[in-house]
C-alpha atoms as a PDB file:
ATOM      1  CA  UNK A   1     142.163 140.511 226.562  1.00  0.00           C
ATOM      2  CA  UNK A   2     140.183 142.294 223.826  1.00  0.00           C
ATOM      3  CA  UNK A   3     136.719 140.991 223.082  1.00  0.00           C
ATOM      4  CA  UNK A   4     136.474 139.412 219.631  1.00  0.00           C
ATOM      5  CA  UNK A   5     133.967 141.037 217.267  1.00  0.00           C
ATOM      6  CA  UNK A   6     131.307 138.828 215.715  1.00  0.00           C
ATOM      7  CA  UNK A   7     132.060 137.785 212.119  1.00  0.00           C
ATOM      8  CA  UNK A   8     128.953 139.698 211.014  1.00  0.00           C
ATOM      9  CA  UNK A   9     130.819 142.940 211.674  1.00  0.00           C
ATOM     10  CA  UNK A  10     133.561 142.070 209.196  1.00  0.00           C
ATOM     11  CA  UNK A  11     133.839 143.535 205.716  1.00  0.00           C
ATOM     12  CA  UNK A  12     134.080 139.997 204.313  1.00  0.00           C
ATOM     13  CA  UNK A  13     130.703 139.007 205.786  1.00  0.00           C
ATOM     14  CA  UNK A  14     129.011 142.126 204.413  1.00  0.00           C
ATOM     15  CA  UNK A  15     130.575 141.483 201.004  1.00  0.00           C
ATOM     16  CA  UNK A  16     129.154 137.948 201.045  1.00  0.00           C
ATOM     17  CA  UNK A  17     125.645 139.259 201.725  1.00  0.00           C
ATOM     18  CA  UNK A  18     125.985 141.955 199.031  1.00  0.00           C
ATOM     19  CA  UNK A  19     127.262 139.390 196.508  1.00  0.00           C
ATOM     20  CA  UNK A  20     124.281 137.217 197.374  1.00  0.00           C
ATOM     21  CA  UNK A  21     121.981 140.168 196.684  1.00  0.00           C
ATOM     22  CA  UNK A  22     123.482 140.450 193.193  1.00  0.00           C
ATOM     23  CA  UNK A  23     122.673 136.785 192.588  1.00  0.00           C
ATOM     24  CA  UNK A  24     119.090 137.427 193.683  1.00  0.00           C
ATOM     25  CA  UNK A  25     118.939 140.193 191.041  1.00  0.00           C
ATOM     26  CA  UNK A  26     120.088 137.649 188.444  1.00  0.00           C
ATOM     27  CA  UNK A  27     117.430 135.193 189.576  1.00  0.00           C
ATOM     28  CA  UNK A  28     114.764 137.899 189.262  1.00  0.00           C
ATOM     29  CA  UNK A  29     115.927 138.716 185.717  1.00  0.00           C
ATOM     30  CA  UNK A  30     115.998 135.036 184.713  1.00  0.00           C
ATOM     31  CA  UNK A  31     112.528 134.470 186.142  1.00  0.00           C
ATOM     32  CA  UNK A  32     111.199 137.498 184.226  1.00  0.00           C
ATOM     33  CA  UNK A  33     112.755 136.189 181.010  1.00  0.00           C
ATOM     34  CA  UNK A  34     111.237 132.735 181.436  1.00  0.00           C
ATOM     35  CA  UNK A  35     107.818 134.206 182.281  1.00  0.00           C
ATOM     36  CA  UNK A  36     107.901 136.235 179.055  1.00  0.00           C
ATOM     37  CA  UNK A  37     109.030 133.278 176.936  1.00  0.00           C
ATOM     38  CA  UNK A  38     106.573 130.709 178.255  1.00  0.00           C
ATOM     39  CA  UNK A  39     102.857 130.479 177.658  1.00  0.00           C
ATOM     40  CA  UNK A  40     102.518 127.641 180.184  1.00  0.00           C
ATOM     41  CA  UNK A  41     100.656 128.732 183.337  1.00  0.00           C
ATOM     42  CA  UNK A  42     102.555 126.293 185.552  1.00  0.00           C
ATOM     43  CA  UNK A  43     105.936 127.581 184.358  1.00  0.00           C
ATOM     44  CA  UNK A  44     104.760 131.188 184.707  1.00  0.00           C
ATOM     45  CA  UNK A  45     103.441 130.562 188.237  1.00  0.00           C
ATOM     46  CA  UNK A  46     106.661 128.821 189.273  1.00  0.00           C
ATOM     47  CA  UNK A  47     108.810 131.657 187.923  1.00  0.00           C
ATOM     48  CA  UNK A  48     106.532 134.239 189.575  1.00  0.00           C
ATOM     49  CA  UNK A  49     106.966 132.505 192.951  1.00  0.00           C
ATOM     50  CA  UNK A  50     110.729 132.313 192.500  1.00  0.00           C
ATOM     51  CA  UNK A  51     110.816 135.985 191.501  1.00  0.00           C
ATOM     52  CA  UNK A  52     108.781 137.019 194.559  1.00  0.00           C
ATOM     53  CA  UNK A  53     110.952 134.910 196.861  1.00  0.00           C
ATOM     54  CA  UNK A  54     114.111 136.455 195.398  1.00  0.00           C
ATOM     55  CA  UNK A  55     112.687 139.958 195.857  1.00  0.00           C
ATOM     56  CA  UNK A  56     111.850 139.089 199.459  1.00  0.00           C
ATOM     57  CA  UNK A  57     115.322 137.603 200.005  1.00  0.00           C
ATOM     58  CA  UNK A  58     116.917 140.760 198.652  1.00  0.00           C
ATOM     59  CA  UNK A  59     114.855 142.947 201.000  1.00  0.00           C
ATOM     60  CA  UNK A  60     115.731 140.748 203.974  1.00  0.00           C
ATOM     61  CA  UNK A  61     119.419 140.811 203.033  1.00  0.00           C
ATOM     62  CA  UNK A  62     119.265 144.597 202.913  1.00  0.00           C
ATOM     63  CA  UNK A  63     117.582 144.662 206.320  1.00  0.00           C
ATOM     64  CA  UNK A  64     120.423 142.497 207.637  1.00  0.00           C
ATOM     65  CA  UNK A  65     123.069 144.763 206.087  1.00  0.00           C
ATOM     66  CA  UNK A  66     121.350 147.824 207.551  1.00  0.00           C
ATOM     67  CA  UNK A  67     121.157 146.177 210.976  1.00  0.00           C
ATOM     68  CA  UNK A  68     124.909 145.605 210.855  1.00  0.00           C
ATOM     69  CA  UNK A  69     125.935 148.964 209.388  1.00  0.00           C
ATOM     70  CA  UNK A  70     123.306 151.443 210.581  1.00  0.00           C
ATOM     71  CA  UNK A  71     121.028 150.378 213.415  1.00  0.00           C
ATOM     72  CA  UNK A  72     121.033 147.019 215.209  1.00  0.00           C
ATOM     73  CA  UNK A  73     117.861 145.020 215.807  1.00  0.00           C
ATOM     74  CA  UNK A  74     116.505 145.388 219.308  1.00  0.00           C
ATOM     75  CA  UNK A  75     113.507 143.458 220.552  1.00  0.00           C
ATOM     76  CA  UNK A  76     112.611 144.028 224.167  1.00  0.00           C
ATOM     77  CA  UNK A  77     110.859 141.476 226.367  1.00  0.00           C
ATOM     78  CA  UNK A  78     107.874 143.872 226.543  1.00  0.00           C
ATOM     79  CA  UNK A  79     107.574 144.005 222.739  1.00  0.00           C
ATOM     80  CA  UNK A  80     107.696 140.230 222.521  1.00  0.00           C
ATOM     81  CA  UNK A  81     105.168 139.818 225.336  1.00  0.00           C
ATOM     82  CA  UNK A  82     102.735 142.266 223.696  1.00  0.00           C
ATOM     83  CA  UNK A  83     102.610 140.136 220.559  1.00  0.00           C
ATOM     84  CA  UNK A  84     102.226 136.848 222.431  1.00  0.00           C
ATOM     85  CA  UNK A  85      98.499 136.357 221.819  1.00  0.00           C
ATOM     86  CA  UNK A  86      98.694 137.194 218.122  1.00  0.00           C
ATOM     87  CA  UNK A  87     101.734 134.970 217.716  1.00  0.00           C
ATOM     88  CA  UNK A  88      99.970 132.020 219.334  1.00  0.00           C
ATOM     89  CA  UNK A  89      96.897 132.509 217.117  1.00  0.00           C
ATOM     90  CA  UNK A  90      99.082 132.703 214.020  1.00  0.00           C
ATOM     91  CA  UNK A  91     100.953 129.537 215.029  1.00  0.00           C
ATOM     92  CA  UNK A  92      97.613 127.720 215.445  1.00  0.00           C
ATOM     93  CA  UNK A  93      96.438 128.913 212.015  1.00  0.00           C
ATOM     94  CA  UNK A  94      99.693 127.800 210.383  1.00  0.00           C
ATOM     95  CA  UNK A  95      99.411 124.392 212.075  1.00  0.00           C
ATOM     96  CA  UNK A  96      95.849 123.999 210.751  1.00  0.00           C
ATOM     97  CA  UNK A  97      96.998 125.081 207.265  1.00  0.00           C
ATOM     98  CA  UNK A  98      99.684 122.393 207.337  1.00  0.00           C
ATOM     99  CA  UNK A  99      97.129 119.797 208.441  1.00  0.00           C
ATOM    100  CA  UNK A 100      94.788 120.691 205.560  1.00  0.00           C
ATOM    101  CA  UNK A 101      97.602 120.851 203.020  1.00  0.00           C
ATOM    102  CA  UNK A 102      98.942 117.449 204.104  1.00  0.00           C
ATOM    103  CA  UNK A 103      95.452 115.949 203.781  1.00  0.00           C
ATOM    104  CA  UNK A 104      95.118 117.377 200.281  1.00  0.00           C
ATOM    105  CA  UNK A 105      98.570 116.147 199.271  1.00  0.00           C
ATOM    106  CA  UNK A 106      97.963 112.658 200.668  1.00  0.00           C
ATOM    107  CA  UNK A 107      94.761 112.313 198.663  1.00  0.00           C
ATOM    108  CA  UNK A 108      96.061 113.867 195.441  1.00  0.00           C
ATOM    109  CA  UNK A 109      97.148 111.818 192.460  1.00  0.00           C
ATOM    110  CA  UNK A 110      98.052 114.263 189.690  1.00  0.00           C
ATOM    111  CA  UNK A 111     101.627 115.497 189.292  1.00  0.00           C
ATOM    112  CA  UNK A 112     100.715 119.167 188.911  1.00  0.00           C
ATOM    113  CA  UNK A 113      98.459 119.085 191.980  1.00  0.00           C
ATOM    114  CA  UNK A 114     101.175 117.421 194.031  1.00  0.00           C
ATOM    115  CA  UNK A 115     103.782 119.872 192.682  1.00  0.00           C
ATOM    116  CA  UNK A 116     101.770 122.913 193.766  1.00  0.00           C
ATOM    117  CA  UNK A 117     100.722 121.402 197.107  1.00  0.00           C
ATOM    118  CA  UNK A 118     104.337 120.474 197.880  1.00  0.00           C
ATOM    119  CA  UNK A 119     105.396 124.060 197.265  1.00  0.00           C
ATOM    120  CA  UNK A 120     102.606 125.380 199.485  1.00  0.00           C
ATOM    121  CA  UNK A 121     103.441 122.922 202.256  1.00  0.00           C
ATOM    122  CA  UNK A 122     107.116 123.919 202.179  1.00  0.00           C
ATOM    123  CA  UNK A 123     106.070 127.575 202.483  1.00  0.00           C
ATOM    124  CA  UNK A 124     103.680 126.838 205.353  1.00  0.00           C
ATOM    125  CA  UNK A 125     106.409 124.847 207.130  1.00  0.00           C
ATOM    126  CA  UNK A 126     108.765 127.786 206.699  1.00  0.00           C
ATOM    127  CA  UNK A 127     106.162 130.180 208.156  1.00  0.00           C
ATOM    128  CA  UNK A 128     105.566 127.854 211.103  1.00  0.00           C
ATOM    129  CA  UNK A 129     109.318 127.628 211.722  1.00  0.00           C
ATOM    130  CA  UNK A 130     109.755 131.425 211.610  1.00  0.00           C
ATOM    131  CA  UNK A 131     106.882 131.941 214.036  1.00  0.00           C
ATOM    132  CA  UNK A 132     108.216 129.229 216.333  1.00  0.00           C
ATOM    133  CA  UNK A 133     111.600 130.964 216.439  1.00  0.00           C
ATOM    134  CA  UNK A 134     109.896 134.254 217.352  1.00  0.00           C
ATOM    135  CA  UNK A 135     108.023 132.374 220.049  1.00  0.00           C
ATOM    136  CA  UNK A 136     111.336 131.033 221.380  1.00  0.00           C
ATOM    137  CA  UNK A 137     112.627 134.614 221.578  1.00  0.00           C
ATOM    138  CA  UNK A 138     109.514 135.560 223.507  1.00  0.00           C
ATOM    139  CA  UNK A 139     110.114 132.758 226.002  1.00  0.00           C
ATOM    140  CA  UNK A 140     113.795 133.563 226.360  1.00  0.00           C
ATOM    141  CA  UNK A 141     112.988 137.268 226.884  1.00  0.00           C
ATOM    142  CA  UNK A 142     116.318 138.371 225.466  1.00  0.00           C
ATOM    143  CA  UNK A 143     117.466 141.340 223.479  1.00  0.00           C
ATOM    144  CA  UNK A 144     118.253 140.639 219.862  1.00  0.00           C
ATOM    145  CA  UNK A 145     121.212 142.550 218.496  1.00  0.00           C
END
């Protein structure tokens, strides 16, 4: 019996990721337009963050496409072990950041302050989650392909 290929190796999957990249380009253009039209610092900052996130998403999507079409990701147990100390320190710093951000949010009363703090907390939670997943890879000592 032939081994089934992962869906990621299909043309349809790659098309989905490439179509998504095009939508990120649209988001970047829309954010630029709104930044130029608005004089409000809060609107400009929000659009700048969305633009940066979309640029980052596009780069990550390209890295994914390249890993599927050119060269697969490979992380060895030795590579993961060598970054263990730095990863643990970063996780501790992210945890402390979340603690401080939560304290600030819990004591804040103004909408704009809460709006910005909520965004920052969501970002810090995302960072903590990404680092935790890397830490899980380290513990599993597997190859990532």
